[in-house]
Amino acid sequence: MTSMEGNGIQNGRLQALRIIFMGTPEFAVASLDALISAGCNIVAVVTAPDKPAGRGMKMSESAVKKYATGKALKILQPEKLRAPQFINELKLLHADVQVVVAFRMLPEMVWDMPPMGTINVHGSLLPQYRGAAPINWAIINGEKETGVTTFKLKHEIDTGDILLQEKISIGENETAGELHDRMKIVGAGILVKTIGGLANATLQAQDQSTFSRQQPACLKHAPKIFTENCKINWAKPVHEVYNLIRGLSPFPGAFTYIDNKLLKVYCSEKKEGHVDIVAGDFETDHKTYLRFACPNGYIYLKEVQLEGKKKMVIKDFLQGYRRPG
């Protein structure tokens, strides 16, 4: 068999698979686009309902819906995933497999419906960092490496059998936003490989316990980020504060208070060494720098946003900010 004939068979198998894609944000668009570019047969896209947004509260469509509309794909936007009408619509599509990328938690009646199951793309090297915010927590915890995993959904969150994994290094100064943008491309690529392996019956799923034996004894988790997770504790070492700031940038943003006003910090620099002021206090020359003290050094704020104001670089912030009193 020639390579051209082999590619034709593989593409034929990919096109034969009926795939339902489920996703909502921009992260998921890269995966959907990669599947379509690979010749996959996307019989429907499931995404979040339109919702009002912005000052005018105009109805806003998800990033996935906008993309799917441009590709003339069938779109489903259920309010409730257990609704009989939605379940019937899924059944009528006769999907072989479902793909989930950055979507809601699915009930069993949905994820267990296709004969080949439901595949999820997760932003970590499972079983490490199970949960809603793996990109953020990997950076907050100072990890040097993370990755992407494709796995089959089952009852417990992020515990299904692993299909493929790919490692990604984390830059020393990389933010969650920057890692997110790299990861969505890697995730799209590994998803296409996963679907290809399933189509050709060359991919064997492995229980996560197999991978657990290769991981450190302590498994780290990635729960949803809440407001209390975002407040900077200046009593912590410089590197921990620095990692928190970049791990929450650009969203939801780490914050502190300056003169009783909330100040979000999106970009900073760290400098370890002797400090002359109490941890949590700050110093500024009112022109070029604003630095907060930690026990073992300073965090220099580089990009900030004072409550009620727009985001700005520190030089512009200091130019317009005057301390009360």
C-alpha atoms as a PDB file:
ATOM      1  CA  MET A   1       0.000   0.000   0.000  1.00  0.00           C
ATOM      2  CA  THR A   2       1.399   3.416  -0.927  1.00  0.00           C
ATOM      3  CA  SER A   3       1.516   6.263   1.589  1.00  0.00           C
ATOM      4  CA  MET A   4      -1.067   8.133  -0.481  1.00  0.00           C
ATOM      5  CA  GLU A   5      -3.434   5.174  -0.306  1.00  0.00           C
ATOM      6  CA  GLY A   6      -2.804   4.891   3.436  1.00  0.00           C
ATOM      7  CA  ASN A   7      -3.603   8.565   3.955  1.00  0.00           C
ATOM      8  CA  GLY A   8      -6.778   8.135   1.913  1.00  0.00           C
ATOM      9  CA  ILE A   9      -7.936   5.280   4.136  1.00  0.00           C
ATOM     10  CA  GLN A  10      -7.121   7.232   7.289  1.00  0.00           C
ATOM     11  CA  ASN A  11      -8.955  10.333   6.040  1.00  0.00           C
ATOM     12  CA  GLY A  12     -11.882   8.143   5.036  1.00  0.00           C
ATOM     13  CA  ARG A  13     -12.114   6.726   8.542  1.00  0.00           C
ATOM     14  CA  LEU A  14     -11.926  10.213  10.048  1.00  0.00           C
ATOM     15  CA  GLN A  15     -14.711  11.443   7.783  1.00  0.00           C
ATOM     16  CA  ALA A  16     -16.818   8.398   8.596  1.00  0.00           C
ATOM     17  CA  LEU A  17     -16.842   9.187  12.315  1.00  0.00           C
ATOM     18  CA  ARG A  18     -19.828  11.277  13.337  1.00  0.00           C
ATOM     19  CA  ILE A  19     -18.583  13.775  15.951  1.00  0.00           C
ATOM     20  CA  ILE A  20     -20.487  16.124  18.241  1.00  0.00           C
ATOM     21  CA  PHE A  21     -18.283  18.940  19.549  1.00  0.00           C
ATOM     22  CA  MET A  22     -19.034  20.668  22.869  1.00  0.00           C
ATOM     23  CA  GLY A  23     -17.268  23.857  23.915  1.00  0.00           C
ATOM     24  CA  THR A  24     -17.742  27.541  24.649  1.00  0.00           C
ATOM     25  CA  PRO A  25     -14.670  29.847  24.954  1.00  0.00           C
ATOM     26  CA  GLU A  26     -11.849  30.774  22.581  1.00  0.00           C
ATOM     27  CA  PHE A  27      -9.730  27.919  23.974  1.00  0.00           C
ATOM     28  CA  ALA A  28     -12.184  25.450  22.426  1.00  0.00           C
ATOM     29  CA  VAL A  29     -12.239  27.144  19.014  1.00  0.00           C
ATOM     30  CA  ALA A  30      -8.687  26.006  18.243  1.00  0.00           C
ATOM     31  CA  SER A  31      -9.692  22.362  18.763  1.00  0.00           C
ATOM     32  CA  LEU A  32     -12.845  22.656  16.672  1.00  0.00           C
ATOM     33  CA  ASP A  33     -10.916  24.328  13.867  1.00  0.00           C
ATOM     34  CA  ALA A  34      -8.231  21.614  13.980  1.00  0.00           C
ATOM     35  CA  LEU A  35     -10.845  18.849  13.691  1.00  0.00           C
ATOM     36  CA  ILE A  36     -12.492  20.520  10.709  1.00  0.00           C
ATOM     37  CA  SER A  37      -9.115  21.141   9.046  1.00  0.00           C
ATOM     38  CA  ALA A  38      -8.311  17.449   9.498  1.00  0.00           C
ATOM     39  CA  GLY A  39     -11.469  16.510   7.591  1.00  0.00           C
ATOM     40  CA  CYS A  40     -13.524  15.339  10.563  1.00  0.00           C
ATOM     41  CA  ASN A  41     -17.297  15.108  10.251  1.00  0.00           C
ATOM     42  CA  ILE A  42     -18.739  17.477  12.856  1.00  0.00           C
ATOM     43  CA  VAL A  43     -22.465  16.722  12.877  1.00  0.00           C
ATOM     44  CA  ALA A  44     -23.269  19.334  15.544  1.00  0.00           C
ATOM     45  CA  VAL A  45     -21.747  21.844  17.918  1.00  0.00           C
ATOM     46  CA  VAL A  46     -23.098  22.262  21.451  1.00  0.00           C
ATOM     47  CA  THR A  47     -22.293  25.547  23.175  1.00  0.00           C
ATOM     48  CA  ALA A  48     -23.603  27.933  25.835  1.00  0.00           C
ATOM     49  CA  PRO A  49     -26.796  29.933  25.256  1.00  0.00           C
ATOM     50  CA  ASP A  50     -26.419  33.556  24.188  1.00  0.00           C
ATOM     51  CA  LYS A  51     -26.345  35.952  27.121  1.00  0.00           C
ATOM     52  CA  PRO A  52     -26.432  39.729  27.653  1.00  0.00           C
ATOM     53  CA  ALA A  53     -23.037  41.375  28.049  1.00  0.00           C
ATOM     54  CA  GLY A  54     -21.394  44.788  28.027  1.00  0.00           C
ATOM     55  CA  ARG A  55     -22.763  48.194  28.952  1.00  0.00           C
ATOM     56  CA  GLY A  56     -25.651  47.906  26.522  1.00  0.00           C
ATOM     57  CA  MET A  57     -26.418  44.364  27.719  1.00  0.00           C
ATOM     58  CA  LYS A  58     -26.674  43.204  24.119  1.00  0.00           C
ATOM     59  CA  MET A  59     -26.957  39.471  23.512  1.00  0.00           C
ATOM     60  CA  SER A  60     -23.504  37.964  23.121  1.00  0.00           C
ATOM     61  CA  GLU A  61     -22.589  34.714  21.378  1.00  0.00           C
ATOM     62  CA  SER A  62     -19.866  32.353  22.587  1.00  0.00           C
ATOM     63  CA  ALA A  63     -16.601  32.172  20.655  1.00  0.00           C
ATOM     64  CA  VAL A  64     -17.469  28.623  19.591  1.00  0.00           C
ATOM     65  CA  LYS A  65     -20.889  29.669  18.282  1.00  0.00           C
ATOM     66  CA  LYS A  66     -19.378  32.485  16.231  1.00  0.00           C
ATOM     67  CA  TYR A  67     -16.895  30.080  14.683  1.00  0.00           C
ATOM     68  CA  ALA A  68     -19.504  27.353  14.088  1.00  0.00           C
ATOM     69  CA  THR A  69     -21.856  29.848  12.440  1.00  0.00           C
ATOM     70  CA  GLY A  70     -19.104  30.836  10.021  1.00  0.00           C
ATOM     71  CA  LYS A  71     -18.653  27.169   9.096  1.00  0.00           C
ATOM     72  CA  ALA A  72     -22.417  26.582   8.702  1.00  0.00           C
ATOM     73  CA  LEU A  73     -22.396  23.871  11.373  1.00  0.00           C
ATOM     74  CA  LYS A  74     -25.513  22.718  13.220  1.00  0.00           C
ATOM     75  CA  ILE A  75     -25.592  24.493  16.614  1.00  0.00           C
ATOM     76  CA  LEU A  76     -27.356  23.416  19.804  1.00  0.00           C
ATOM     77  CA  GLN A  77     -27.576  25.758  22.814  1.00  0.00           C
ATOM     78  CA  PRO A  78     -29.414  23.953  25.612  1.00  0.00           C
ATOM     79  CA  GLU A  79     -30.233  25.778  28.834  1.00  0.00           C
ATOM     80  CA  LYS A  80     -30.342  22.432  30.647  1.00  0.00           C
ATOM     81  CA  LEU A  81     -28.305  19.427  29.575  1.00  0.00           C
ATOM     82  CA  ARG A  82     -30.915  16.999  30.949  1.00  0.00           C
ATOM     83  CA  ALA A  83     -33.806  18.561  29.023  1.00  0.00           C
ATOM     84  CA  PRO A  84     -35.725  15.850  27.102  1.00  0.00           C
ATOM     85  CA  GLN A  85     -35.720  17.914  23.898  1.00  0.00           C
ATOM     86  CA  PHE A  86     -31.918  18.254  23.980  1.00  0.00           C
ATOM     87  CA  ILE A  87     -31.416  14.564  24.759  1.00  0.00           C
ATOM     88  CA  ASN A  88     -33.658  13.629  21.829  1.00  0.00           C
ATOM     89  CA  GLU A  89     -31.747  15.970  19.513  1.00  0.00           C
ATOM     90  CA  LEU A  90     -28.488  14.282  20.488  1.00  0.00           C
ATOM     91  CA  LYS A  91     -29.911  10.809  19.892  1.00  0.00           C
ATOM     92  CA  LEU A  92     -31.139  11.753  16.427  1.00  0.00           C
ATOM     93  CA  LEU A  93     -27.605  12.813  15.447  1.00  0.00           C
ATOM     94  CA  HIS A  94     -26.305   9.240  15.931  1.00  0.00           C
ATOM     95  CA  ALA A  95     -22.829  10.424  16.927  1.00  0.00           C
ATOM     96  CA  ASP A  96     -20.014   7.885  17.167  1.00  0.00           C
ATOM     97  CA  VAL A  97     -18.065  10.043  19.610  1.00  0.00           C
ATOM     98  CA  GLN A  98     -18.407  13.356  21.446  1.00  0.00           C
ATOM     99  CA  VAL A  99     -15.585  15.820  22.102  1.00  0.00           C
ATOM    100  CA  VAL A 100     -15.642  18.210  25.057  1.00  0.00           C
ATOM    101  CA  VAL A 101     -13.281  21.185  25.323  1.00  0.00           C
ATOM    102  CA  ALA A 102     -13.879  23.817  28.033  1.00  0.00           C
ATOM    103  CA  PHE A 103     -17.575  23.114  28.519  1.00  0.00           C
ATOM    104  CA  ARG A 104     -19.984  22.398  31.355  1.00  0.00           C
ATOM    105  CA  MET A 105     -20.081  19.217  33.406  1.00  0.00           C
ATOM    106  CA  LEU A 106     -22.090  16.635  31.493  1.00  0.00           C
ATOM    107  CA  PRO A 107     -24.678  14.302  32.997  1.00  0.00           C
ATOM    108  CA  GLU A 108     -24.103  10.586  32.421  1.00  0.00           C
ATOM    109  CA  MET A 109     -27.043  10.348  30.032  1.00  0.00           C
ATOM    110  CA  VAL A 110     -25.096  12.687  27.728  1.00  0.00           C
ATOM    111  CA  TRP A 111     -21.479  11.558  28.045  1.00  0.00           C
ATOM    112  CA  ASP A 112     -22.368   7.880  27.930  1.00  0.00           C
ATOM    113  CA  MET A 113     -24.548   8.165  24.820  1.00  0.00           C
ATOM    114  CA  PRO A 114     -22.098   7.636  21.892  1.00  0.00           C
ATOM    115  CA  PRO A 115     -20.721   4.105  21.340  1.00  0.00           C
ATOM    116  CA  MET A 116     -17.111   5.386  21.389  1.00  0.00           C
ATOM    117  CA  GLY A 117     -17.711   7.554  24.456  1.00  0.00           C
ATOM    118  CA  THR A 118     -16.950  11.226  25.117  1.00  0.00           C
ATOM    119  CA  ILE A 119     -13.422  12.612  24.846  1.00  0.00           C
ATOM    120  CA  ASN A 120     -12.247  15.535  26.969  1.00  0.00           C
ATOM    121  CA  VAL A 121      -9.216  17.779  26.430  1.00  0.00           C
ATOM    122  CA  HIS A 122      -7.729  18.816  29.791  1.00  0.00           C
ATOM    123  CA  GLY A 123      -4.971  21.368  30.392  1.00  0.00           C
ATOM    124  CA  SER A 124      -2.647  19.301  32.586  1.00  0.00           C
ATOM    125  CA  LEU A 125      -0.781  16.022  32.742  1.00  0.00           C
ATOM    126  CA  LEU A 126      -3.455  14.006  34.484  1.00  0.00           C
ATOM    127  CA  PRO A 127      -3.787  12.782  37.172  1.00  0.00           C
ATOM    128  CA  GLN A 128      -2.025  15.992  38.270  1.00  0.00           C
ATOM    129  CA  TYR A 129      -4.183  19.121  38.442  1.00  0.00           C
ATOM    130  CA  ARG A 130      -7.654  17.703  38.134  1.00  0.00           C
ATOM    131  CA  GLY A 131     -10.203  20.489  38.295  1.00  0.00           C
ATOM    132  CA  ALA A 132     -11.466  23.683  36.683  1.00  0.00           C
ATOM    133  CA  ALA A 133      -8.300  25.829  36.638  1.00  0.00           C
ATOM    134  CA  PRO A 134      -5.237  23.676  35.819  1.00  0.00           C
ATOM    135  CA  ILE A 135      -3.364  26.380  33.900  1.00  0.00           C
ATOM    136  CA  ASN A 136      -3.667  28.905  36.731  1.00  0.00           C
ATOM    137  CA  TRP A 137      -2.701  26.526  39.524  1.00  0.00           C
ATOM    138  CA  ALA A 138       0.309  25.084  37.699  1.00  0.00           C
ATOM    139  CA  ILE A 139       1.816  28.579  37.462  1.00  0.00           C
ATOM    140  CA  ILE A 140       0.723  29.638  40.958  1.00  0.00           C
ATOM    141  CA  ASN A 141       2.511  26.565  42.331  1.00  0.00           C
ATOM    142  CA  GLY A 142       5.670  27.386  40.398  1.00  0.00           C
ATOM    143  CA  GLU A 143       5.648  24.343  38.117  1.00  0.00           C
ATOM    144  CA  LYS A 144       8.260  24.174  35.364  1.00  0.00           C
ATOM    145  CA  GLU A 145       6.248  21.745  33.248  1.00  0.00           C
ATOM    146  CA  THR A 146       2.626  20.933  32.493  1.00  0.00           C
ATOM    147  CA  GLY A 147       0.837  19.489  29.476  1.00  0.00           C
ATOM    148  CA  VAL A 148      -2.363  18.422  27.784  1.00  0.00           C
ATOM    149  CA  THR A 149      -4.297  15.184  28.235  1.00  0.00           C
ATOM    150  CA  THR A 150      -7.092  13.611  26.232  1.00  0.00           C
ATOM    151  CA  PHE A 151      -9.192  11.128  28.168  1.00  0.00           C
ATOM    152  CA  LYS A 152     -12.604   9.443  28.238  1.00  0.00           C
ATOM    153  CA  LEU A 153     -15.182  10.929  30.552  1.00  0.00           C
ATOM    154  CA  LYS A 154     -16.622   8.914  33.429  1.00  0.00           C
ATOM    155  CA  HIS A 155     -18.436   9.647  36.720  1.00  0.00           C
ATOM    156  CA  GLU A 156     -15.680  11.314  38.772  1.00  0.00           C
ATOM    157  CA  ILE A 157     -14.329  14.583  37.381  1.00  0.00           C
ATOM    158  CA  ASP A 158     -11.088  14.276  35.360  1.00  0.00           C
ATOM    159  CA  THR A 159     -10.526  10.638  36.357  1.00  0.00           C
ATOM    160  CA  GLY A 160     -11.317   8.864  33.084  1.00  0.00           C
ATOM    161  CA  ASP A 161      -8.951   6.602  31.148  1.00  0.00           C
ATOM    162  CA  ILE A 162      -6.135   8.496  29.461  1.00  0.00           C
ATOM    163  CA  LEU A 163      -5.736   8.386  25.687  1.00  0.00           C
ATOM    164  CA  LEU A 164      -2.822  10.711  24.870  1.00  0.00           C
ATOM    165  CA  GLN A 165      -0.617  13.250  26.661  1.00  0.00           C
ATOM    166  CA  GLU A 166       1.860  15.887  25.550  1.00  0.00           C
ATOM    167  CA  LYS A 167       4.208  17.839  27.818  1.00  0.00           C
ATOM    168  CA  ILE A 168       4.625  21.628  27.747  1.00  0.00           C
ATOM    169  CA  SER A 169       7.377  23.592  29.497  1.00  0.00           C
ATOM    170  CA  ILE A 170       6.370  26.678  31.493  1.00  0.00           C
ATOM    171  CA  GLY A 171       8.526  29.773  31.089  1.00  0.00           C
ATOM    172  CA  GLU A 172       9.960  31.345  34.237  1.00  0.00           C
ATOM    173  CA  ASN A 173       8.043  34.578  33.593  1.00  0.00           C
ATOM    174  CA  GLU A 174       5.115  33.164  31.625  1.00  0.00           C
ATOM    175  CA  THR A 175       1.599  34.224  32.571  1.00  0.00           C
ATOM    176  CA  ALA A 176      -1.520  32.079  32.599  1.00  0.00           C
ATOM    177  CA  GLY A 177      -2.767  33.934  29.531  1.00  0.00           C
ATOM    178  CA  GLU A 178       0.407  33.224  27.586  1.00  0.00           C
ATOM    179  CA  LEU A 179       0.405  29.552  28.574  1.00  0.00           C
ATOM    180  CA  HIS A 180      -3.304  29.337  27.699  1.00  0.00           C
ATOM    181  CA  ASP A 181      -2.600  30.584  24.167  1.00  0.00           C
ATOM    182  CA  ARG A 182       0.181  28.035  23.645  1.00  0.00           C
ATOM    183  CA  MET A 183      -1.779  25.230  25.243  1.00  0.00           C
ATOM    184  CA  LYS A 184      -4.867  25.616  23.071  1.00  0.00           C
ATOM    185  CA  ILE A 185      -2.719  24.943  19.988  1.00  0.00           C
ATOM    186  CA  VAL A 186      -1.027  21.917  21.553  1.00  0.00           C
ATOM    187  CA  GLY A 187      -4.410  20.691  22.772  1.00  0.00           C
ATOM    188  CA  ALA A 188      -5.900  20.984  19.289  1.00  0.00           C
ATOM    189  CA  GLY A 189      -3.070  18.943  17.830  1.00  0.00           C
ATOM    190  CA  ILE A 190      -3.273  16.152  20.389  1.00  0.00           C
ATOM    191  CA  LEU A 191      -7.069  16.009  19.952  1.00  0.00           C
ATOM    192  CA  VAL A 192      -6.724  15.378  16.220  1.00  0.00           C
ATOM    193  CA  LYS A 193      -4.191  12.614  16.959  1.00  0.00           C
ATOM    194  CA  THR A 194      -6.614  11.137  19.478  1.00  0.00           C
ATOM    195  CA  ILE A 195      -9.545  11.084  17.063  1.00  0.00           C
ATOM    196  CA  GLY A 196      -7.287   9.601  14.385  1.00  0.00           C
ATOM    197  CA  GLY A 197      -6.171   6.857  16.764  1.00  0.00           C
ATOM    198  CA  LEU A 198      -9.758   6.054  17.683  1.00  0.00           C
ATOM    199  CA  ALA A 199     -10.813   6.009  14.033  1.00  0.00           C
ATOM    200  CA  ASN A 200      -8.013   3.562  13.171  1.00  0.00           C
ATOM    201  CA  ALA A 201      -8.447   1.511  16.357  1.00  0.00           C
ATOM    202  CA  THR A 202      -4.746   2.033  17.172  1.00  0.00           C
ATOM    203  CA  LEU A 203      -5.223   3.898  20.453  1.00  0.00           C
ATOM    204  CA  GLN A 204      -5.518   2.062  23.754  1.00  0.00           C
ATOM    205  CA  ALA A 205      -6.962   3.913  26.750  1.00  0.00           C
ATOM    206  CA  GLN A 206      -5.058   3.530  30.021  1.00  0.00           C
ATOM    207  CA  ASP A 207      -6.371   3.733  33.571  1.00  0.00           C
ATOM    208  CA  GLN A 208      -5.089   6.800  35.443  1.00  0.00           C
ATOM    209  CA  SER A 209      -3.701   4.597  38.193  1.00  0.00           C
ATOM    210  CA  THR A 210      -0.983   3.582  35.713  1.00  0.00           C
ATOM    211  CA  PHE A 211       0.059   7.229  35.421  1.00  0.00           C
ATOM    212  CA  SER A 212      -0.284   7.849  39.164  1.00  0.00           C
ATOM    213  CA  ARG A 213       2.621   5.489  39.811  1.00  0.00           C
ATOM    214  CA  GLN A 214       4.794   7.701  37.628  1.00  0.00           C
ATOM    215  CA  GLN A 215       3.778  10.900  39.445  1.00  0.00           C
ATOM    216  CA  PRO A 216       4.954  12.417  42.724  1.00  0.00           C
ATOM    217  CA  ALA A 217       3.273  10.926  45.789  1.00  0.00           C
ATOM    218  CA  CYS A 218       1.217  14.064  46.359  1.00  0.00           C
ATOM    219  CA  LEU A 219      -1.323  14.799  43.641  1.00  0.00           C
ATOM    220  CA  LYS A 220      -2.042  18.506  43.232  1.00  0.00           C
ATOM    221  CA  HIS A 221      -5.506  19.787  42.426  1.00  0.00           C
ATOM    222  CA  ALA A 222      -6.857  22.681  40.375  1.00  0.00           C
ATOM    223  CA  PRO A 223     -10.152  23.850  41.903  1.00  0.00           C
ATOM    224  CA  LYS A 224     -12.100  26.822  40.633  1.00  0.00           C
ATOM    225  CA  ILE A 225     -10.492  30.188  41.411  1.00  0.00           C
ATOM    226  CA  PHE A 226     -12.415  32.291  43.938  1.00  0.00           C
ATOM    227  CA  THR A 227     -11.889  35.876  45.103  1.00  0.00           C
ATOM    228  CA  GLU A 228     -10.074  34.767  48.249  1.00  0.00           C
ATOM    229  CA  ASN A 229      -7.502  32.967  46.082  1.00  0.00           C
ATOM    230  CA  CYS A 230      -6.670  36.223  44.305  1.00  0.00           C
ATOM    231  CA  LYS A 231      -5.747  38.427  47.265  1.00  0.00           C
ATOM    232  CA  ILE A 232      -1.987  38.909  47.563  1.00  0.00           C
ATOM    233  CA  ASN A 233      -0.465  37.914  50.895  1.00  0.00           C
ATOM    234  CA  TRP A 234       2.655  40.054  51.213  1.00  0.00           C
ATOM    235  CA  ALA A 235       3.871  37.930  54.142  1.00  0.00           C
ATOM    236  CA  LYS A 236       4.736  35.176  51.664  1.00  0.00           C
ATOM    237  CA  PRO A 237       8.137  34.888  49.934  1.00  0.00           C
ATOM    238  CA  VAL A 238       8.761  36.979  46.828  1.00  0.00           C
ATOM    239  CA  HIS A 239       8.668  34.034  44.404  1.00  0.00           C
ATOM    240  CA  GLU A 240       5.288  32.862  45.697  1.00  0.00           C
ATOM    241  CA  VAL A 241       3.741  36.310  45.296  1.00  0.00           C
ATOM    242  CA  TYR A 242       5.277  36.636  41.832  1.00  0.00           C
ATOM    243  CA  ASN A 243       3.879  33.251  40.786  1.00  0.00           C
ATOM    244  CA  LEU A 244       0.418  34.183  42.084  1.00  0.00           C
ATOM    245  CA  ILE A 245       0.391  37.376  40.027  1.00  0.00           C
ATOM    246  CA  ARG A 246       1.403  35.701  36.763  1.00  0.00           C
ATOM    247  CA  GLY A 247      -0.810  32.681  37.490  1.00  0.00           C
ATOM    248  CA  LEU A 248      -3.876  34.949  37.663  1.00  0.00           C
ATOM    249  CA  SER A 249      -2.971  37.201  34.729  1.00  0.00           C
ATOM    250  CA  PRO A 250      -4.888  38.380  32.794  1.00  0.00           C
ATOM    251  CA  PHE A 251      -7.931  36.832  34.464  1.00  0.00           C
ATOM    252  CA  PRO A 252      -9.206  37.018  37.127  1.00  0.00           C
ATOM    253  CA  GLY A 253      -6.215  39.066  38.316  1.00  0.00           C
ATOM    254  CA  ALA A 254      -4.359  39.141  41.628  1.00  0.00           C
ATOM    255  CA  PHE A 255      -5.171  42.112  43.835  1.00  0.00           C
ATOM    256  CA  THR A 256      -4.027  44.108  46.819  1.00  0.00           C
ATOM    257  CA  TYR A 257      -5.079  47.394  48.398  1.00  0.00           C
ATOM    258  CA  ILE A 258      -3.464  50.783  48.141  1.00  0.00           C
ATOM    259  CA  ASP A 259      -4.823  53.547  50.354  1.00  0.00           C
ATOM    260  CA  ASN A 260      -7.969  51.445  50.942  1.00  0.00           C
ATOM    261  CA  LYS A 261      -8.636  51.073  47.219  1.00  0.00           C
ATOM    262  CA  LEU A 262      -8.519  47.736  45.426  1.00  0.00           C
ATOM    263  CA  LEU A 263      -5.605  47.464  43.005  1.00  0.00           C
ATOM    264  CA  LYS A 264      -5.351  44.600  40.526  1.00  0.00           C
ATOM    265  CA  VAL A 265      -1.857  43.574  39.483  1.00  0.00           C
ATOM    266  CA  TYR A 266      -1.378  42.000  36.051  1.00  0.00           C
ATOM    267  CA  CYS A 267       2.362  42.222  35.567  1.00  0.00           C
ATOM    268  CA  SER A 268       5.261  42.505  38.010  1.00  0.00           C
ATOM    269  CA  GLU A 269       8.955  41.869  38.559  1.00  0.00           C
ATOM    270  CA  LYS A 270      10.549  40.265  41.585  1.00  0.00           C
ATOM    271  CA  LYS A 271      13.767  41.185  43.332  1.00  0.00           C
ATOM    272  CA  GLU A 272      14.999  39.142  46.262  1.00  0.00           C
ATOM    273  CA  GLY A 273      17.181  40.676  48.940  1.00  0.00           C
ATOM    274  CA  HIS A 274      17.155  42.869  52.027  1.00  0.00           C
ATOM    275  CA  VAL A 275      14.090  45.047  52.645  1.00  0.00           C
ATOM    276  CA  ASP A 276      13.926  48.222  54.709  1.00  0.00           C
ATOM    277  CA  ILE A 277      10.169  48.303  55.281  1.00  0.00           C
ATOM    278  CA  VAL A 278       7.534  45.989  56.765  1.00  0.00           C
ATOM    279  CA  ALA A 279       6.084  43.284  54.514  1.00  0.00           C
ATOM    280  CA  GLY A 280       2.948  44.680  52.874  1.00  0.00           C
ATOM    281  CA  ASP A 281       4.126  48.302  52.899  1.00  0.00           C
ATOM    282  CA  PHE A 282       5.100  49.981  49.658  1.00  0.00           C
ATOM    283  CA  GLU A 283       7.553  52.549  48.337  1.00  0.00           C
ATOM    284  CA  THR A 284       7.431  54.717  45.223  1.00  0.00           C
ATOM    285  CA  ASP A 285       9.310  57.557  43.592  1.00  0.00           C
ATOM    286  CA  HIS A 286       5.949  58.754  42.175  1.00  0.00           C
ATOM    287  CA  LYS A 287       7.394  58.553  38.649  1.00  0.00           C
ATOM    288  CA  THR A 288       8.802  55.197  37.607  1.00  0.00           C
ATOM    289  CA  TYR A 289       8.344  52.534  40.270  1.00  0.00           C
ATOM    290  CA  LEU A 290       5.940  51.228  42.883  1.00  0.00           C
ATOM    291  CA  ARG A 291       7.201  48.309  44.954  1.00  0.00           C
ATOM    292  CA  PHE A 292       5.656  46.248  47.737  1.00  0.00           C
ATOM    293  CA  ALA A 293       7.759  44.521  50.355  1.00  0.00           C
ATOM    294  CA  CYS A 294       7.805  40.804  51.112  1.00  0.00           C
ATOM    295  CA  PRO A 295       9.926  39.300  53.911  1.00  0.00           C
ATOM    296  CA  ASN A 296      12.751  38.498  51.492  1.00  0.00           C
ATOM    297  CA  GLY A 297      12.511  41.115  48.767  1.00  0.00           C
ATOM    298  CA  TYR A 298      10.337  43.401  46.677  1.00  0.00           C
ATOM    299  CA  ILE A 299       7.634  43.002  44.054  1.00  0.00           C
ATOM    300  CA  TYR A 300       7.764  45.804  41.502  1.00  0.00           C
ATOM    301  CA  LEU A 301       4.321  46.455  40.010  1.00  0.00           C
ATOM    302  CA  LYS A 302       4.466  46.894  36.223  1.00  0.00           C
ATOM    303  CA  GLU A 303       0.851  46.826  35.020  1.00  0.00           C
ATOM    304  CA  VAL A 304      -2.085  47.599  37.311  1.00  0.00           C
ATOM    305  CA  GLN A 305      -5.723  48.616  37.454  1.00  0.00           C
ATOM    306  CA  LEU A 306      -7.206  50.700  40.251  1.00  0.00           C
ATOM    307  CA  GLU A 307     -10.879  50.026  40.972  1.00  0.00           C
ATOM    308  CA  GLY A 308     -13.050  52.120  38.670  1.00  0.00           C
ATOM    309  CA  LYS A 309     -10.131  52.868  36.337  1.00  0.00           C
ATOM    310  CA  LYS A 310      -8.648  51.278  33.226  1.00  0.00           C
ATOM    311  CA  LYS A 311      -5.619  49.018  33.123  1.00  0.00           C
ATOM    312  CA  MET A 312      -2.333  50.893  32.718  1.00  0.00           C
ATOM    313  CA  VAL A 313       1.438  50.572  32.960  1.00  0.00           C
ATOM    314  CA  ILE A 314       2.911  51.731  36.255  1.00  0.00           C
ATOM    315  CA  LYS A 315       4.429  54.936  34.879  1.00  0.00           C
ATOM    316  CA  ASP A 316       1.014  56.140  33.679  1.00  0.00           C
ATOM    317  CA  PHE A 317      -0.616  55.010  36.924  1.00  0.00           C
ATOM    318  CA  LEU A 318       1.846  56.977  39.071  1.00  0.00           C
ATOM    319  CA  GLN A 319       1.512  60.028  36.878  1.00  0.00           C
ATOM    320  CA  GLY A 320      -2.197  60.258  37.613  1.00  0.00           C
ATOM    321  CA  TYR A 321      -2.347  58.865  41.160  1.00  0.00           C
ATOM    322  CA  ARG A 322      -2.182  61.048  44.227  1.00  0.00           C
ATOM    323  CA  ARG A 323      -2.304  59.650  47.753  1.00  0.00           C
ATOM    324  CA  PRO A 324      -5.226  60.948  49.844  1.00  0.00           C
ATOM    325  CA  GLY A 325      -4.482  63.367  52.597  1.00  0.00           C
END
